Amino acid sequence: MTPLERTLARALTEIVIRLDLSDDDAITPEATMEVLEPVIALLQDLPEQDRKALADLINQCAQEETDPDRRLTAWEAPETLDLLL
C-alpha cells in the first residue's frame, strides 16, 4: 500500500474511534450514524479486494494503538464500516 492509502486508512480509523468514543452528549449515536452511513455506502462500492485491503490497513492501525479502548474500537472499525464479507 502507498503512503497515501495508509494515511487515509489511519484518518478513517481515527474518525471512527473519535465518533465511537465520544460522549453521547457531544455527539449522539444517531448523529454518528448520519456521519458514517454515507461513508459506508461509498466503501460498499469498492471491489471486494479493496475492501479487504482497507480492513487490513485498519487492523494495522489497531495494532499500533496503545490505549485499550481506542485499540478495541479500531479492531471493530472494519465491521463498523461494513468492510467484512
PDB file of N, CA and C in Angstrom:
ATOM      1  N   MET A   1       0.829  -1.179   0.000  1.00  0.00           N
ATOM      2  CA  MET A   1       0.000   0.000   0.000  1.00  0.00           C
ATOM      3  C   MET A   1       0.874   1.243   0.000  1.00  0.00           C
ATOM      4  N   THR A   2       0.334   2.257  -0.587  1.00  0.00           N
ATOM      5  CA  THR A   2       1.078   3.510  -0.686  1.00  0.00           C
ATOM      6  C   THR A   2       0.966   4.301   0.613  1.00  0.00           C
ATOM      7  N   PRO A   3       1.856   5.273   0.810  1.00  0.00           N
ATOM      8  CA  PRO A   3       1.733   6.137   1.986  1.00  0.00           C
ATOM      9  C   PRO A   3       0.378   6.870   2.018  1.00  0.00           C
ATOM     10  N   LEU A   4      -0.123   7.250   0.865  1.00  0.00           N
ATOM     11  CA  LEU A   4      -1.426   7.911   0.811  1.00  0.00           C
ATOM     12  C   LEU A   4      -2.528   6.983   1.318  1.00  0.00           C
ATOM     13  N   GLU A   5      -2.522   5.744   0.862  1.00  0.00           N
ATOM     14  CA  GLU A   5      -3.537   4.784   1.302  1.00  0.00           C
ATOM     15  C   GLU A   5      -3.438   4.523   2.800  1.00  0.00           C
ATOM     16  N   ARG A   6      -2.234   4.404   3.299  1.00  0.00           N
ATOM     17  CA  ARG A   6      -2.052   4.183   4.743  1.00  0.00           C
ATOM     18  C   ARG A   6      -2.557   5.386   5.542  1.00  0.00           C
ATOM     19  N   THR A   7      -2.235   6.580   5.064  1.00  0.00           N
ATOM     20  CA  THR A   7      -2.652   7.796   5.756  1.00  0.00           C
ATOM     21  C   THR A   7      -4.170   7.930   5.743  1.00  0.00           C
ATOM     22  N   LEU A   8      -4.798   7.641   4.613  1.00  0.00           N
ATOM     23  CA  LEU A   8      -6.258   7.710   4.538  1.00  0.00           C
ATOM     24  C   LEU A   8      -6.907   6.655   5.437  1.00  0.00           C
ATOM     25  N   ALA A   9      -6.343   5.472   5.498  1.00  0.00           N
ATOM     26  CA  ALA A   9      -6.867   4.433   6.383  1.00  0.00           C
ATOM     27  C   ALA A   9      -6.722   4.861   7.840  1.00  0.00           C
ATOM     28  N   ARG A  10      -5.594   5.450   8.167  1.00  0.00           N
ATOM     29  CA  ARG A  10      -5.367   5.931   9.542  1.00  0.00           C
ATOM     30  C   ARG A  10      -6.361   7.051   9.881  1.00  0.00           C
ATOM     31  N   ALA A  11      -6.589   7.957   8.932  1.00  0.00           N
ATOM     32  CA  ALA A  11      -7.533   9.048   9.158  1.00  0.00           C
ATOM     33  C   ALA A  11      -8.945   8.511   9.360  1.00  0.00           C
ATOM     34  N   LEU A  12      -9.350   7.561   8.531  1.00  0.00           N
ATOM     35  CA  LEU A  12     -10.679   6.960   8.663  1.00  0.00           C
ATOM     36  C   LEU A  12     -10.810   6.246   9.998  1.00  0.00           C
ATOM     37  N   THR A  13      -9.777   5.533  10.405  1.00  0.00           N
ATOM     38  CA  THR A  13      -9.780   4.846  11.693  1.00  0.00           C
ATOM     39  C   THR A  13      -9.919   5.853  12.824  1.00  0.00           C
ATOM     40  N   GLU A  14      -9.201   6.942  12.728  1.00  0.00           N
ATOM     41  CA  GLU A  14      -9.263   7.984  13.761  1.00  0.00           C
ATOM     42  C   GLU A  14     -10.675   8.567  13.861  1.00  0.00           C
ATOM     43  N   ILE A  15     -11.321   8.782  12.747  1.00  0.00           N
ATOM     44  CA  ILE A  15     -12.689   9.306  12.753  1.00  0.00           C
ATOM     45  C   ILE A  15     -13.631   8.325  13.443  1.00  0.00           C
ATOM     46  N   VAL A  16     -13.511   7.054  13.086  1.00  0.00           N
ATOM     47  CA  VAL A  16     -14.376   6.040  13.698  1.00  0.00           C
ATOM     48  C   VAL A  16     -14.128   5.984  15.209  1.00  0.00           C
ATOM     49  N   ILE A  17     -12.879   6.014  15.619  1.00  0.00           N
ATOM     50  CA  ILE A  17     -12.542   5.970  17.042  1.00  0.00           C
ATOM     51  C   ILE A  17     -13.147   7.171  17.761  1.00  0.00           C
ATOM     52  N   ARG A  18     -12.921   8.353  17.217  1.00  0.00           N
ATOM     53  CA  ARG A  18     -13.413   9.570  17.883  1.00  0.00           C
ATOM     54  C   ARG A  18     -14.936   9.587  17.975  1.00  0.00           C
ATOM     55  N   LEU A  19     -15.596   9.177  16.904  1.00  0.00           N
ATOM     56  CA  LEU A  19     -17.060   9.145  16.935  1.00  0.00           C
ATOM     57  C   LEU A  19     -17.555   8.118  17.950  1.00  0.00           C
ATOM     58  N   ASP A  20     -16.953   6.945  17.942  1.00  0.00           N
ATOM     59  CA  ASP A  20     -17.398   5.874  18.824  1.00  0.00           C
ATOM     60  C   ASP A  20     -17.154   6.193  20.291  1.00  0.00           C
ATOM     61  N   LEU A  21     -16.034   6.790  20.586  1.00  0.00           N
ATOM     62  CA  LEU A  21     -15.667   7.041  21.978  1.00  0.00           C
ATOM     63  C   LEU A  21     -16.126   8.393  22.510  1.00  0.00           C
ATOM     64  N   SER A  22     -16.754   9.190  21.660  1.00  0.00           N
ATOM     65  CA  SER A  22     -17.219  10.497  22.124  1.00  0.00           C
ATOM     66  C   SER A  22     -18.398  10.323  23.082  1.00  0.00           C
ATOM     67  N   ASP A  23     -18.518  11.249  23.979  1.00  0.00           N
ATOM     68  CA  ASP A  23     -19.623  11.253  24.922  1.00  0.00           C
ATOM     69  C   ASP A  23     -20.926  11.438  24.149  1.00  0.00           C
ATOM     70  N   ASP A  24     -21.967  10.710  24.537  1.00  0.00           N
ATOM     71  CA  ASP A  24     -23.247  10.807  23.836  1.00  0.00           C
ATOM     72  C   ASP A  24     -23.825  12.220  23.889  1.00  0.00           C
ATOM     73  N   ASP A  25     -23.388  13.028  24.865  1.00  0.00           N
ATOM     74  CA  ASP A  25     -23.830  14.422  24.915  1.00  0.00           C
ATOM     75  C   ASP A  25     -23.115  15.257  23.855  1.00  0.00           C
ATOM     76  N   ALA A  26     -21.929  14.835  23.471  1.00  0.00           N
ATOM     77  CA  ALA A  26     -21.162  15.568  22.463  1.00  0.00           C
ATOM     78  C   ALA A  26     -21.673  15.248  21.061  1.00  0.00           C
ATOM     79  N   ILE A  27     -21.891  13.971  20.801  1.00  0.00           N
ATOM     80  CA  ILE A  27     -22.452  13.542  19.520  1.00  0.00           C
ATOM     81  C   ILE A  27     -23.287  12.291  19.783  1.00  0.00           C
ATOM     82  N   THR A  28     -24.524  12.376  19.433  1.00  0.00           N
ATOM     83  CA  THR A  28     -25.435  11.260  19.704  1.00  0.00           C
ATOM     84  C   THR A  28     -25.118  10.080  18.796  1.00  0.00           C
ATOM     85  N   PRO A  29     -25.519   8.878  19.199  1.00  0.00           N
ATOM     86  CA  PRO A  29     -25.335   7.719  18.313  1.00  0.00           C
ATOM     87  C   PRO A  29     -26.015   7.920  16.955  1.00  0.00           C
ATOM     88  N   GLU A  30     -27.146   8.595  16.955  1.00  0.00           N
ATOM     89  CA  GLU A  30     -27.835   8.868  15.693  1.00  0.00           C
ATOM     90  C   GLU A  30     -27.001   9.775  14.799  1.00  0.00           C
ATOM     91  N   ALA A  31     -26.400  10.799  15.390  1.00  0.00           N
ATOM     92  CA  ALA A  31     -25.556  11.713  14.614  1.00  0.00           C
ATOM     93  C   ALA A  31     -24.314  10.988  14.103  1.00  0.00           C
ATOM     94  N   THR A  32     -23.785  10.098  14.922  1.00  0.00           N
ATOM     95  CA  THR A  32     -22.639   9.301  14.488  1.00  0.00           C
ATOM     96  C   THR A  32     -22.995   8.504  13.241  1.00  0.00           C
ATOM     97  N   MET A  33     -24.155   7.866  13.253  1.00  0.00           N
ATOM     98  CA  MET A  33     -24.571   7.085  12.090  1.00  0.00           C
ATOM     99  C   MET A  33     -24.844   7.975  10.882  1.00  0.00           C
ATOM    100  N   GLU A  34     -25.338   9.184  11.101  1.00  0.00           N
ATOM    101  CA  GLU A  34     -25.540  10.113   9.989  1.00  0.00           C
ATOM    102  C   GLU A  34     -24.217  10.445   9.316  1.00  0.00           C
ATOM    103  N   VAL A  35     -23.167  10.506  10.097  1.00  0.00           N
ATOM    104  CA  VAL A  35     -21.834  10.767   9.547  1.00  0.00           C
ATOM    105  C   VAL A  35     -21.307   9.527   8.824  1.00  0.00           C
ATOM    106  N   LEU A  36     -21.468   8.360   9.454  1.00  0.00           N
ATOM    107  CA  LEU A  36     -20.863   7.141   8.920  1.00  0.00           C
ATOM    108  C   LEU A  36     -21.632   6.512   7.758  1.00  0.00           C
ATOM    109  N   GLU A  37     -22.943   6.660   7.712  1.00  0.00           N
ATOM    110  CA  GLU A  37     -23.720   5.990   6.665  1.00  0.00           C
ATOM    111  C   GLU A  37     -23.268   6.335   5.245  1.00  0.00           C
ATOM    112  N   PRO A  38     -23.036   7.613   4.905  1.00  0.00           N
ATOM    113  CA  PRO A  38     -22.574   7.881   3.540  1.00  0.00           C
ATOM    114  C   PRO A  38     -21.175   7.312   3.265  1.00  0.00           C
ATOM    115  N   VAL A  39     -20.343   7.268   4.295  1.00  0.00           N
ATOM    116  CA  VAL A  39     -19.005   6.688   4.145  1.00  0.00           C
ATOM    117  C   VAL A  39     -19.127   5.193   3.881  1.00  0.00           C
ATOM    118  N   ILE A  40     -19.966   4.546   4.660  1.00  0.00           N
ATOM    119  CA  ILE A  40     -20.187   3.107   4.478  1.00  0.00           C
ATOM    120  C   ILE A  40     -20.710   2.829   3.078  1.00  0.00           C
ATOM    121  N   ALA A  41     -21.639   3.649   2.608  1.00  0.00           N
ATOM    122  CA  ALA A  41     -22.197   3.468   1.267  1.00  0.00           C
ATOM    123  C   ALA A  41     -21.108   3.594   0.201  1.00  0.00           C
ATOM    124  N   LEU A  42     -20.214   4.558   0.357  1.00  0.00           N
ATOM    125  CA  LEU A  42     -19.107   4.709  -0.599  1.00  0.00           C
ATOM    126  C   LEU A  42     -18.190   3.496  -0.574  1.00  0.00           C
ATOM    127  N   LEU A  43     -17.893   3.012   0.621  1.00  0.00           N
ATOM    128  CA  LEU A  43     -16.995   1.869   0.747  1.00  0.00           C
ATOM    129  C   LEU A  43     -17.610   0.605   0.163  1.00  0.00           C
ATOM    130  N   GLN A  44     -18.928   0.508   0.188  1.00  0.00           N
ATOM    131  CA  GLN A  44     -19.605  -0.661  -0.379  1.00  0.00           C
ATOM    132  C   GLN A  44     -19.386  -0.764  -1.886  1.00  0.00           C
ATOM    133  N   ASP A  45     -19.106   0.371  -2.517  1.00  0.00           N
ATOM    134  CA  ASP A  45     -18.871   0.373  -3.965  1.00  0.00           C
ATOM    135  C   ASP A  45     -17.484  -0.133  -4.349  1.00  0.00           C
ATOM    136  N   LEU A  46     -16.599  -0.278  -3.354  1.00  0.00           N
ATOM    137  CA  LEU A  46     -15.257  -0.777  -3.646  1.00  0.00           C
ATOM    138  C   LEU A  46     -15.306  -2.264  -3.995  1.00  0.00           C
ATOM    139  N   PRO A  47     -14.399  -2.700  -4.854  1.00  0.00           N
ATOM    140  CA  PRO A  47     -14.288  -4.142  -5.101  1.00  0.00           C
ATOM    141  C   PRO A  47     -13.912  -4.863  -3.797  1.00  0.00           C
ATOM    142  N   GLU A  48     -14.306  -6.126  -3.710  1.00  0.00           N
ATOM    143  CA  GLU A  48     -14.053  -6.925  -2.505  1.00  0.00           C
ATOM    144  C   GLU A  48     -12.579  -6.886  -2.098  1.00  0.00           C
ATOM    145  N   GLN A  49     -11.685  -6.974  -3.068  1.00  0.00           N
ATOM    146  CA  GLN A  49     -10.249  -6.977  -2.786  1.00  0.00           C
ATOM    147  C   GLN A  49      -9.827  -5.664  -2.115  1.00  0.00           C
ATOM    148  N   ASP A  50     -10.358  -4.547  -2.568  1.00  0.00           N
ATOM    149  CA  ASP A  50     -10.017  -3.252  -1.978  1.00  0.00           C
ATOM    150  C   ASP A  50     -10.610  -3.105  -0.584  1.00  0.00           C
ATOM    151  N   ARG A  51     -11.808  -3.624  -0.385  1.00  0.00           N
ATOM    152  CA  ARG A  51     -12.420  -3.564   0.941  1.00  0.00           C
ATOM    153  C   ARG A  51     -11.595  -4.381   1.933  1.00  0.00           C
ATOM    154  N   LYS A  52     -11.127  -5.543   1.506  1.00  0.00           N
ATOM    155  CA  LYS A  52     -10.279  -6.366   2.369  1.00  0.00           C
ATOM    156  C   LYS A  52      -8.958  -5.663   2.661  1.00  0.00           C
ATOM    157  N   ALA A  53      -8.380  -5.036   1.642  1.00  0.00           N
ATOM    158  CA  ALA A  53      -7.114  -4.320   1.833  1.00  0.00           C
ATOM    159  C   ALA A  53      -7.293  -3.167   2.826  1.00  0.00           C
ATOM    160  N   LEU A  54      -8.413  -2.460   2.731  1.00  0.00           N
ATOM    161  CA  LEU A  54      -8.679  -1.374   3.676  1.00  0.00           C
ATOM    162  C   LEU A  54      -8.874  -1.930   5.084  1.00  0.00           C
ATOM    163  N   ALA A  55      -9.595  -3.021   5.209  1.00  0.00           N
ATOM    164  CA  ALA A  55      -9.777  -3.649   6.524  1.00  0.00           C
ATOM    165  C   ALA A  55      -8.425  -4.057   7.109  1.00  0.00           C
ATOM    166  N   ASP A  56      -7.547  -4.581   6.276  1.00  0.00           N
ATOM    167  CA  ASP A  56      -6.207  -4.967   6.737  1.00  0.00           C
ATOM    168  C   ASP A  56      -5.418  -3.744   7.216  1.00  0.00           C
ATOM    169  N   LEU A  57      -5.517  -2.648   6.483  1.00  0.00           N
ATOM    170  CA  LEU A  57      -4.827  -1.415   6.893  1.00  0.00           C
ATOM    171  C   LEU A  57      -5.375  -0.897   8.224  1.00  0.00           C
ATOM    172  N   ILE A  58      -6.686  -0.946   8.380  1.00  0.00           N
ATOM    173  CA  ILE A  58      -7.288  -0.504   9.640  1.00  0.00           C
ATOM    174  C   ILE A  58      -6.831  -1.407  10.785  1.00  0.00           C
ATOM    175  N   ASN A  59      -6.722  -2.709  10.529  1.00  0.00           N
ATOM    176  CA  ASN A  59      -6.220  -3.622  11.563  1.00  0.00           C
ATOM    177  C   ASN A  59      -4.778  -3.304  11.929  1.00  0.00           C
ATOM    178  N   GLN A  60      -3.982  -2.874  10.961  1.00  0.00           N
ATOM    179  CA  GLN A  60      -2.609  -2.445  11.260  1.00  0.00           C
ATOM    180  C   GLN A  60      -2.635  -1.222  12.168  1.00  0.00           C
ATOM    181  N   CYS A  61      -3.554  -0.301  11.902  1.00  0.00           N
ATOM    182  CA  CYS A  61      -3.696   0.878  12.764  1.00  0.00           C
ATOM    183  C   CYS A  61      -4.072   0.448  14.180  1.00  0.00           C
ATOM    184  N   ALA A  62      -4.963  -0.540  14.279  1.00  0.00           N
ATOM    185  CA  ALA A  62      -5.388  -1.028  15.595  1.00  0.00           C
ATOM    186  C   ALA A  62      -4.206  -1.595  16.377  1.00  0.00           C
ATOM    187  N   GLN A  63      -3.342  -2.319  15.678  1.00  0.00           N
ATOM    188  CA  GLN A  63      -2.170  -2.902  16.349  1.00  0.00           C
ATOM    189  C   GLN A  63      -1.259  -1.831  16.933  1.00  0.00           C
ATOM    190  N   GLU A  64      -1.255  -0.658  16.335  1.00  0.00           N
ATOM    191  CA  GLU A  64      -0.377   0.424  16.793  1.00  0.00           C
ATOM    192  C   GLU A  64      -0.959   1.209  17.962  1.00  0.00           C
ATOM    193  N   GLU A  65      -2.247   1.014  18.235  1.00  0.00           N
ATOM    194  CA  GLU A  65      -2.892   1.731  19.338  1.00  0.00           C
ATOM    195  C   GLU A  65      -2.412   1.184  20.677  1.00  0.00           C
ATOM    196  N   THR A  66      -2.110   2.079  21.594  1.00  0.00           N
ATOM    197  CA  THR A  66      -1.672   1.662  22.925  1.00  0.00           C
ATOM    198  C   THR A  66      -2.789   1.763  23.955  1.00  0.00           C
ATOM    199  N   ASP A  67      -3.755   2.619  23.718  1.00  0.00           N
ATOM    200  CA  ASP A  67      -4.899   2.754  24.620  1.00  0.00           C
ATOM    201  C   ASP A  67      -5.876   1.607  24.352  1.00  0.00           C
ATOM    202  N   PRO A  68      -6.246   0.850  25.380  1.00  0.00           N
ATOM    203  CA  PRO A  68      -7.110  -0.317  25.166  1.00  0.00           C
ATOM    204  C   PRO A  68      -8.466   0.011  24.533  1.00  0.00           C
ATOM    205  N   ASP A  69      -9.093   1.102  24.934  1.00  0.00           N
ATOM    206  CA  ASP A  69     -10.390   1.469  24.366  1.00  0.00           C
ATOM    207  C   ASP A  69     -10.264   1.835  22.886  1.00  0.00           C
ATOM    208  N   ARG A  70      -9.233   2.616  22.576  1.00  0.00           N
ATOM    209  CA  ARG A  70      -9.003   3.003  21.181  1.00  0.00           C
ATOM    210  C   ARG A  70      -8.653   1.773  20.340  1.00  0.00           C
ATOM    211  N   ARG A  71      -7.862   0.880  20.906  1.00  0.00           N
ATOM    212  CA  ARG A  71      -7.475  -0.337  20.179  1.00  0.00           C
ATOM    213  C   ARG A  71      -8.698  -1.191  19.857  1.00  0.00           C
ATOM    214  N   LEU A  72      -9.559  -1.409  20.853  1.00  0.00           N
ATOM    215  CA  LEU A  72     -10.756  -2.210  20.638  1.00  0.00           C
ATOM    216  C   LEU A  72     -11.651  -1.573  19.571  1.00  0.00           C
ATOM    217  N   THR A  73     -11.835  -0.275  19.659  1.00  0.00           N
ATOM    218  CA  THR A  73     -12.674   0.415  18.674  1.00  0.00           C
ATOM    219  C   THR A  73     -12.050   0.316  17.285  1.00  0.00           C
ATOM    220  N   ALA A  74     -10.740   0.441  17.202  1.00  0.00           N
ATOM    221  CA  ALA A  74     -10.070   0.310  15.904  1.00  0.00           C
ATOM    222  C   ALA A  74     -10.229  -1.099  15.354  1.00  0.00           C
ATOM    223  N   TRP A  75     -10.129  -2.117  16.215  1.00  0.00           N
ATOM    224  CA  TRP A  75     -10.312  -3.503  15.768  1.00  0.00           C
ATOM    225  C   TRP A  75     -11.720  -3.715  15.237  1.00  0.00           C
ATOM    226  N   GLU A  76     -12.676  -3.015  15.825  1.00  0.00           N
ATOM    227  CA  GLU A  76     -14.075  -3.152  15.402  1.00  0.00           C
ATOM    228  C   GLU A  76     -14.414  -2.295  14.185  1.00  0.00           C
ATOM    229  N   ALA A  77     -13.534  -1.380  13.812  1.00  0.00           N
ATOM    230  CA  ALA A  77     -13.821  -0.434  12.725  1.00  0.00           C
ATOM    231  C   ALA A  77     -14.155  -1.125  11.391  1.00  0.00           C
ATOM    232  N   PRO A  78     -13.436  -2.164  10.976  1.00  0.00           N
ATOM    233  CA  PRO A  78     -13.834  -2.807   9.711  1.00  0.00           C
ATOM    234  C   PRO A  78     -15.275  -3.325   9.736  1.00  0.00           C
ATOM    235  N   GLU A  79     -15.708  -3.836  10.870  1.00  0.00           N
ATOM    236  CA  GLU A  79     -17.095  -4.288  10.985  1.00  0.00           C
ATOM    237  C   GLU A  79     -18.048  -3.086  11.005  1.00  0.00           C
ATOM    238  N   THR A  80     -17.662  -2.059  11.745  1.00  0.00           N
ATOM    239  CA  THR A  80     -18.471  -0.830  11.802  1.00  0.00           C
ATOM    240  C   THR A  80     -18.686  -0.265  10.411  1.00  0.00           C
ATOM    241  N   LEU A  81     -17.630  -0.302   9.593  1.00  0.00           N
ATOM    242  CA  LEU A  81     -17.690   0.246   8.248  1.00  0.00           C
ATOM    243  C   LEU A  81     -18.208  -0.762   7.220  1.00  0.00           C
ATOM    244  N   ASP A  82     -18.633  -1.913   7.693  1.00  0.00           N
ATOM    245  CA  ASP A  82     -19.202  -2.970   6.854  1.00  0.00           C
ATOM    246  C   ASP A  82     -18.237  -3.393   5.738  1.00  0.00           C
ATOM    247  N   LEU A  83     -16.957  -3.519   6.097  1.00  0.00           N
ATOM    248  CA  LEU A  83     -15.941  -3.928   5.134  1.00  0.00           C
ATOM    249  C   LEU A  83     -15.805  -5.446   5.053  1.00  0.00           C
ATOM    250  N   LEU A  84     -16.277  -6.119   6.088  1.00  0.00           N
ATOM    251  CA  LEU A  84     -16.103  -7.562   6.156  1.00  0.00           C
ATOM    252  C   LEU A  84     -17.226  -8.263   5.416  1.00  0.00           C
ATOM    253  N   LEU A  85     -16.867  -9.294   4.703  1.00  0.00           N
ATOM    254  CA  LEU A  85     -17.865 -10.047   3.940  1.00  0.00           C
ATOM    255  C   LEU A  85     -18.197 -11.344   4.628  1.00  0.00           C
TER     256      LEU A  85
END
